[in-house]
């Protein structure tokens, strides 16, 4: 009798070690599958590709490729207008019930263990971010969209495809170019070049799109706290807020913000800094400004919050939320 009771205890420990351990290993594999599936579906949606009709096929393909669970079974659904959730259960064959077979737990009449992993991904426009303290006119930005992209942006708050990669030289001398339908001098307030109030004295402006506006930092020279950032400005795109209205002059001036875009700097020329690097050779004499092009890809600061409702202007972000 002692041996019989001891065997029950030993089998119980074996069930914990072998079966529960195997379940944890399966769980880790399924989490990879769920994360990959949800991110892929959200990326398709954010890029304007078909995603609703293809979500199940995408989830099945990514779940199978990113797990070693035999025949994982994903369940995909949209939990919000810009949020997708994928639950993946383990399954040993295409026709078998959900779960993994046990070994020693069968002694306790437990033939299957239910193992599931979940992932939820949200995409949307950046709502808050630490950005270079500079803003660009929404009207100027729209000049680099096709007519169909502008129509789509007006009707949906986003657009399919990328902005034109044509370089734009935003300058603030008397030769500043005019864009059709846009205000003169790039729409900037008199006495400024779109520099925004600095955040805590550093080279950043904390932009909250829900606040609707940002204060102006008068002057046209590159902000002195940002000089150390010049060498890294052209390494990757950064978020730049777009304004649709500017009012006032000097320090009290404000910019009414409309959203974010992603901007890749290719050159710059400021007083006291090197000449325009990698940019247009036509920027000579008294020319001062920043050159670059709009792109939807951007490196995001950790802690960036997303707004699934606000216009994204091509700067849509995808992030695991659960």
Protein backbone atom coordinates (compact mmCIF):
# COMPACT_ATOMS: atom_id res chain seq x y z
CA UNK A 1 0.00 0.00 0.00
CA UNK A 2 2.83 2.40 0.78
CA UNK A 3 4.35 1.74 -2.64
CA UNK A 4 0.96 2.27 -4.32
CA UNK A 5 0.45 5.62 -2.61
CA UNK A 6 4.03 6.63 -3.38
CA UNK A 7 3.50 5.82 -7.07
CA UNK A 8 0.52 8.18 -7.17
CA UNK A 9 2.66 10.98 -5.72
CA UNK A 10 5.54 10.21 -8.09
CA UNK A 11 3.23 10.19 -11.09
CA UNK A 12 1.81 13.52 -9.92
CA UNK A 13 5.28 15.04 -9.86
CA UNK A 14 6.04 13.50 -13.23
CA UNK A 15 2.89 15.07 -14.65
CA UNK A 16 3.96 18.45 -13.33
CA UNK A 17 7.49 18.17 -14.63
CA UNK A 18 6.86 16.56 -18.03
CA UNK A 19 3.35 17.62 -19.08
CA UNK A 20 3.30 21.12 -17.58
CA UNK A 21 6.85 21.73 -18.78
CA UNK A 22 5.85 20.71 -22.29
CA UNK A 23 2.83 23.01 -22.08
CA UNK A 24 5.06 25.98 -21.19
CA UNK A 25 7.32 25.18 -24.15
CA UNK A 26 4.28 25.03 -26.42
CA UNK A 27 3.05 28.33 -24.98
CA UNK A 28 6.30 30.05 -25.92
CA UNK A 29 6.03 28.75 -29.49
CA UNK A 30 2.42 29.84 -29.75
CA UNK A 31 3.28 33.33 -28.51
CA UNK A 32 5.74 33.72 -31.38
CA UNK A 33 3.00 32.62 -33.74
CA UNK A 34 0.41 35.02 -32.30
CA UNK A 35 2.79 38.00 -32.31
CA UNK A 36 3.93 37.39 -35.88
CA UNK A 37 0.37 36.89 -37.14
CA UNK A 38 -1.09 39.98 -35.47
CA UNK A 39 1.79 42.20 -36.58
CA UNK A 40 1.57 40.99 -40.17
CA UNK A 41 -2.19 41.61 -40.39
CA UNK A 42 -1.87 45.06 -38.80
CA UNK A 43 0.99 45.95 -41.13
CA UNK A 44 -1.16 45.08 -44.14
CA UNK A 45 -4.03 47.18 -42.80
CA UNK A 46 -1.78 50.13 -41.98
CA UNK A 47 -0.21 50.00 -45.45
CA UNK A 48 -3.57 50.05 -47.20
CA UNK A 49 -3.28 46.43 -48.41
CA UNK A 50 -6.16 43.92 -48.25
CA UNK A 51 -6.27 42.70 -44.66
CA UNK A 52 -9.85 41.88 -43.68
CA UNK A 53 -10.46 39.21 -46.31
CA UNK A 54 -6.95 37.77 -45.91
CA UNK A 55 -6.62 37.85 -42.12
CA UNK A 56 -7.38 34.15 -41.56
CA UNK A 57 -4.99 32.95 -44.27
CA UNK A 58 -2.27 35.30 -43.02
CA UNK A 59 -2.71 34.12 -39.44
CA UNK A 60 -2.63 30.45 -40.42
CA UNK A 61 0.48 30.89 -42.56
CA UNK A 62 2.39 32.88 -39.94
CA UNK A 63 1.27 30.64 -37.08
CA UNK A 64 2.50 27.52 -38.87
CA UNK A 65 5.80 29.16 -39.81
CA UNK A 66 6.51 30.54 -36.32
CA UNK A 67 5.65 27.58 -34.10
CA UNK A 68 6.60 23.95 -33.69
CA UNK A 69 3.19 22.86 -32.49
CA UNK A 70 2.16 20.71 -35.44
CA UNK A 71 -1.05 22.36 -36.64
CA UNK A 72 -1.66 25.57 -34.67
CA UNK A 73 -5.19 26.90 -34.80
CA UNK A 74 -5.44 30.72 -34.95
CA UNK A 75 -8.61 32.66 -34.25
CA UNK A 76 -8.46 36.18 -35.68
CA UNK A 77 -10.80 39.09 -35.08
CA UNK A 78 -10.78 42.89 -35.09
CA UNK A 79 -11.49 44.24 -31.61
CA UNK A 80 -11.51 47.87 -32.81
CA UNK A 81 -11.38 49.87 -36.00
CA UNK A 82 -7.57 49.72 -35.92
CA UNK A 83 -6.88 46.84 -33.54
CA UNK A 84 -6.53 43.15 -34.40
CA UNK A 85 -6.35 40.24 -31.96
CA UNK A 86 -5.04 36.77 -32.72
CA UNK A 87 -5.53 33.80 -30.36
CA UNK A 88 -3.55 30.68 -31.28
CA UNK A 89 -4.34 27.25 -29.79
CA UNK A 90 -2.13 24.22 -30.03
CA UNK A 91 -3.40 21.28 -32.08
CA UNK A 92 -1.62 18.07 -33.01
CA UNK A 93 -3.27 17.52 -36.40
CA UNK A 94 -5.68 19.27 -38.70
CA UNK A 95 -8.54 17.01 -37.53
CA UNK A 96 -7.66 16.61 -33.85
CA UNK A 97 -9.28 18.61 -31.04
CA UNK A 98 -7.59 21.71 -29.67
CA UNK A 99 -4.97 20.95 -27.05
CA UNK A 100 -1.85 18.83 -26.53
CA UNK A 101 -1.84 15.20 -25.46
CA UNK A 102 -0.47 14.44 -22.01
CA UNK A 103 1.75 11.62 -20.85
CA UNK A 104 1.64 11.10 -17.09
CA UNK A 105 -1.40 13.33 -16.45
CA UNK A 106 -3.55 10.64 -18.05
CA UNK A 107 -3.39 8.86 -14.70
CA UNK A 108 -5.57 11.70 -13.38
CA UNK A 109 -7.92 11.45 -16.39
CA UNK A 110 -6.40 14.51 -18.05
CA UNK A 111 -5.83 13.57 -21.67
CA UNK A 112 -5.50 17.07 -23.14
CA UNK A 113 -4.05 20.34 -21.92
CA UNK A 114 -5.44 23.51 -23.45
CA UNK A 115 -2.57 25.80 -24.44
CA UNK A 116 -3.26 29.22 -25.96
CA UNK A 117 -1.31 32.41 -26.66
CA UNK A 118 -2.75 35.78 -27.64
CA UNK A 119 -1.48 38.97 -29.23
CA UNK A 120 -3.21 42.26 -29.92
CA UNK A 121 -1.79 44.90 -32.25
CA UNK A 122 -2.93 48.48 -32.74
CA UNK A 123 -2.02 50.76 -35.60
CA UNK A 124 -2.68 54.46 -35.97
CA UNK A 125 -1.08 57.87 -36.19
CA UNK A 126 1.45 59.11 -33.66
CA UNK A 127 -0.26 61.14 -30.96
CA UNK A 128 2.66 62.06 -28.75
CA UNK A 129 6.34 61.95 -29.57
CA UNK A 130 9.58 63.71 -28.86
CA UNK A 131 10.49 65.33 -32.17
CA UNK A 132 12.89 67.83 -33.64
CA UNK A 133 11.32 71.15 -32.58
CA UNK A 134 10.24 72.08 -36.10
CA UNK A 135 6.96 72.02 -38.04
CA UNK A 136 6.00 71.96 -41.73
CA UNK A 137 2.88 73.29 -43.42
CA UNK A 138 0.25 70.65 -44.16
CA UNK A 139 -0.37 72.50 -47.43
CA UNK A 140 3.27 72.04 -48.47
CA UNK A 141 3.09 68.37 -47.52
CA UNK A 142 -0.05 67.88 -49.63
CA UNK A 143 1.86 69.22 -52.64
CA UNK A 144 3.82 65.96 -52.61
CA UNK A 145 0.73 63.76 -52.75
CA UNK A 146 -1.04 62.70 -55.91
CA UNK A 147 -4.57 63.95 -56.52
CA UNK A 148 -5.98 60.54 -55.61
CA UNK A 149 -3.95 60.46 -52.39
CA UNK A 150 -5.23 63.91 -51.44
CA UNK A 151 -8.81 62.83 -52.09
CA UNK A 152 -8.30 59.68 -50.04
CA UNK A 153 -6.71 61.68 -47.21
CA UNK A 154 -9.65 64.10 -47.16
CA UNK A 155 -12.21 61.30 -47.03
CA UNK A 156 -10.50 58.75 -44.77
CA UNK A 157 -7.78 60.58 -42.85
CA UNK A 158 -5.06 58.48 -44.49
CA UNK A 159 -3.90 57.47 -47.95
CA UNK A 160 -2.51 54.51 -49.85
CA UNK A 161 1.10 54.42 -50.99
CA UNK A 162 3.92 56.83 -50.22
CA UNK A 163 4.30 60.57 -50.69
CA UNK A 164 6.45 61.66 -53.60
CA UNK A 165 10.14 61.20 -52.79
CA UNK A 166 10.97 64.44 -54.60
CA UNK A 167 13.28 66.53 -52.46
CA UNK A 168 11.94 69.76 -51.05
CA UNK A 169 14.15 72.66 -49.94
CA UNK A 170 12.39 74.55 -47.16
CA UNK A 171 14.24 77.86 -47.00
CA UNK A 172 13.62 81.17 -45.29
CA UNK A 173 15.31 83.83 -47.41
CA UNK A 174 13.73 86.11 -49.99
CA UNK A 175 13.93 83.33 -52.59
CA UNK A 176 11.64 80.98 -50.70
CA UNK A 177 9.57 79.12 -53.34
CA UNK A 178 5.80 79.30 -53.32
CA UNK A 179 3.59 76.23 -53.51
CA UNK A 180 0.27 76.50 -55.36
CA UNK A 181 -2.51 77.35 -52.95
CA UNK A 182 -0.16 77.63 -49.97
CA UNK A 183 0.73 80.70 -47.93
CA UNK A 184 3.95 82.54 -48.70
CA UNK A 185 7.17 81.77 -46.81
CA UNK A 186 6.08 78.14 -46.31
CA UNK A 187 3.21 79.41 -44.18
CA UNK A 188 5.51 80.24 -41.27
CA UNK A 189 4.73 83.15 -38.96
CA UNK A 190 6.71 86.35 -39.55
CA UNK A 191 10.12 86.26 -37.93
CA UNK A 192 10.34 82.48 -37.71
CA UNK A 193 11.15 79.28 -39.59
CA UNK A 194 8.71 76.92 -37.93
CA UNK A 195 10.83 76.29 -34.85
CA UNK A 196 8.70 75.25 -31.88
CA UNK A 197 9.04 76.03 -28.20
CA UNK A 198 11.76 73.86 -26.72
CA UNK A 199 10.86 71.25 -24.15
CA UNK A 200 12.80 71.85 -20.95
CA UNK A 201 15.59 73.65 -22.74
CA UNK A 202 16.74 70.56 -24.66
CA UNK A 203 16.63 69.85 -28.38
CA UNK A 204 13.07 68.58 -28.44
CA UNK A 205 9.48 69.70 -28.46
CA UNK A 206 6.92 67.54 -26.73
CA UNK A 207 4.06 67.49 -29.23
CA UNK A 208 0.58 66.44 -28.18
CA UNK A 209 -1.67 66.36 -31.22
CA UNK A 210 -4.79 66.35 -29.05
CA UNK A 211 -3.79 69.76 -27.66
CA UNK A 212 -4.24 71.17 -31.15
CA UNK A 213 -1.38 73.66 -31.20
CA UNK A 214 2.24 74.36 -30.37
CA UNK A 215 4.02 77.58 -29.48
CA UNK A 216 6.47 79.24 -31.85
CA UNK A 217 10.15 79.73 -31.10
CA UNK A 218 11.04 82.92 -33.05
CA UNK A 219 14.19 83.30 -35.11
CA UNK A 220 15.49 81.54 -38.17
CA UNK A 221 18.78 80.06 -36.98
CA UNK A 222 19.04 76.43 -35.95
CA UNK A 223 18.30 76.24 -32.18
CA UNK A 224 21.58 76.24 -30.28
CA UNK A 225 20.57 73.31 -27.98
CA UNK A 226 20.23 71.21 -31.15
CA UNK A 227 23.72 71.79 -32.55
CA UNK A 228 24.97 68.47 -31.18
CA UNK A 229 22.21 66.68 -33.10
CA UNK A 230 23.24 67.99 -36.52
CA UNK A 231 25.56 65.06 -37.25
CA UNK A 232 22.78 62.53 -36.71
CA UNK A 233 19.91 64.33 -38.43
CA UNK A 234 20.34 62.56 -41.75
CA UNK A 235 20.65 59.02 -40.39
CA UNK A 236 16.96 58.17 -40.34
CA UNK A 237 13.53 59.80 -40.74
CA UNK A 238 11.94 61.57 -37.82
CA UNK A 239 8.45 62.66 -36.89
CA UNK A 240 7.56 66.20 -37.89
CA UNK A 241 4.24 67.81 -36.91
CA UNK A 242 2.17 69.37 -39.68
CA UNK A 243 0.31 72.64 -39.10
CA UNK A 244 -2.74 73.88 -40.96
CA UNK A 245 -2.82 77.38 -39.52
CA UNK A 246 -0.36 79.87 -38.07
CA UNK A 247 -1.26 83.00 -36.14
CA UNK A 248 0.58 85.79 -34.39
CA UNK A 249 4.18 86.90 -34.69
CA UNK A 250 7.34 86.25 -32.72
CA UNK A 251 7.20 84.37 -29.43
CA UNK A 252 3.41 84.59 -28.90
CA UNK A 253 2.78 83.01 -32.32
CA UNK A 254 1.16 79.58 -32.40
CA UNK A 255 0.80 76.77 -34.93
CA UNK A 256 -2.42 74.78 -35.09
CA UNK A 257 -1.38 71.16 -35.59
CA UNK A 258 -3.13 68.74 -37.91
CA UNK A 259 -1.10 65.53 -37.52
CA UNK A 260 2.32 64.00 -38.10
CA UNK A 261 4.34 63.03 -41.13
CA UNK A 262 7.76 61.40 -41.42
CA UNK A 263 10.54 63.49 -42.96
CA UNK A 264 14.01 62.40 -44.05
CA UNK A 265 16.59 65.21 -44.00
CA UNK A 266 19.12 65.04 -46.83
CA UNK A 267 20.84 68.38 -46.28
CA UNK A 268 20.88 71.62 -44.33
CA UNK A 269 22.55 74.99 -44.27
CA UNK A 270 22.43 77.37 -41.33
CA UNK A 271 24.49 80.28 -40.12
CA UNK A 272 27.48 79.00 -38.17
CA UNK A 273 27.11 75.44 -39.47
CA UNK A 274 28.60 73.63 -42.48
CA UNK A 275 27.13 74.26 -45.91
CA UNK A 276 24.21 72.21 -47.17
CA UNK A 277 25.26 68.56 -46.98
CA UNK A 278 24.06 66.22 -49.69
CA UNK A 279 21.52 68.74 -50.94
CA UNK A 280 20.91 71.10 -53.82
CA UNK A 281 23.85 73.08 -55.16
CA UNK A 282 21.46 75.98 -55.83
CA UNK A 283 21.39 76.82 -52.11
CA UNK A 284 24.17 79.39 -52.14
CA UNK A 285 24.68 82.93 -50.97
CA UNK A 286 22.13 83.89 -48.33
CA UNK A 287 20.20 80.62 -48.71
CA UNK A 288 19.46 78.96 -45.39
CA UNK A 289 17.17 76.01 -44.89
CA UNK A 290 16.54 72.28 -44.62
CA UNK A 291 16.24 69.86 -47.52
CA UNK A 292 14.66 66.42 -47.51
CA UNK A 293 11.66 64.36 -48.56
CA UNK A 294 8.55 62.93 -46.98
CA UNK A 295 8.35 59.21 -46.19
CA UNK A 296 5.95 57.09 -44.17
CA UNK A 297 8.75 55.20 -42.37
CA UNK A 298 9.98 56.62 -39.08
CA UNK A 299 11.92 55.60 -36.00
CA UNK A 300 9.64 56.09 -33.01
CA UNK A 301 10.59 57.03 -29.50
CA UNK A 302 9.82 54.50 -26.81
CA UNK A 303 6.65 55.61 -25.09
CA UNK A 304 5.04 57.01 -28.22
CA UNK A 305 1.27 56.83 -27.90
CA UNK A 306 -0.96 56.10 -30.86
CA UNK A 307 -4.27 57.59 -31.87
CA UNK A 308 -6.37 55.21 -34.03
CA UNK A 309 -8.64 58.11 -35.06
CA UNK A 310 -6.37 61.04 -35.95
CA UNK A 311 -5.07 61.52 -39.49
CA UNK A 312 -1.75 59.75 -39.97
CA UNK A 313 -0.46 61.63 -43.08
CA UNK A 314 1.45 58.53 -44.12
CA UNK A 315 3.13 58.12 -40.74
CA UNK A 316 1.09 55.17 -39.51
CA UNK A 317 2.67 53.07 -36.76
CA UNK A 318 2.07 49.43 -35.81
CA UNK A 319 2.69 48.26 -32.28
CA UNK A 320 1.91 45.28 -30.06
CA UNK A 321 -0.55 46.49 -27.45
CA UNK A 322 -1.19 43.20 -25.58
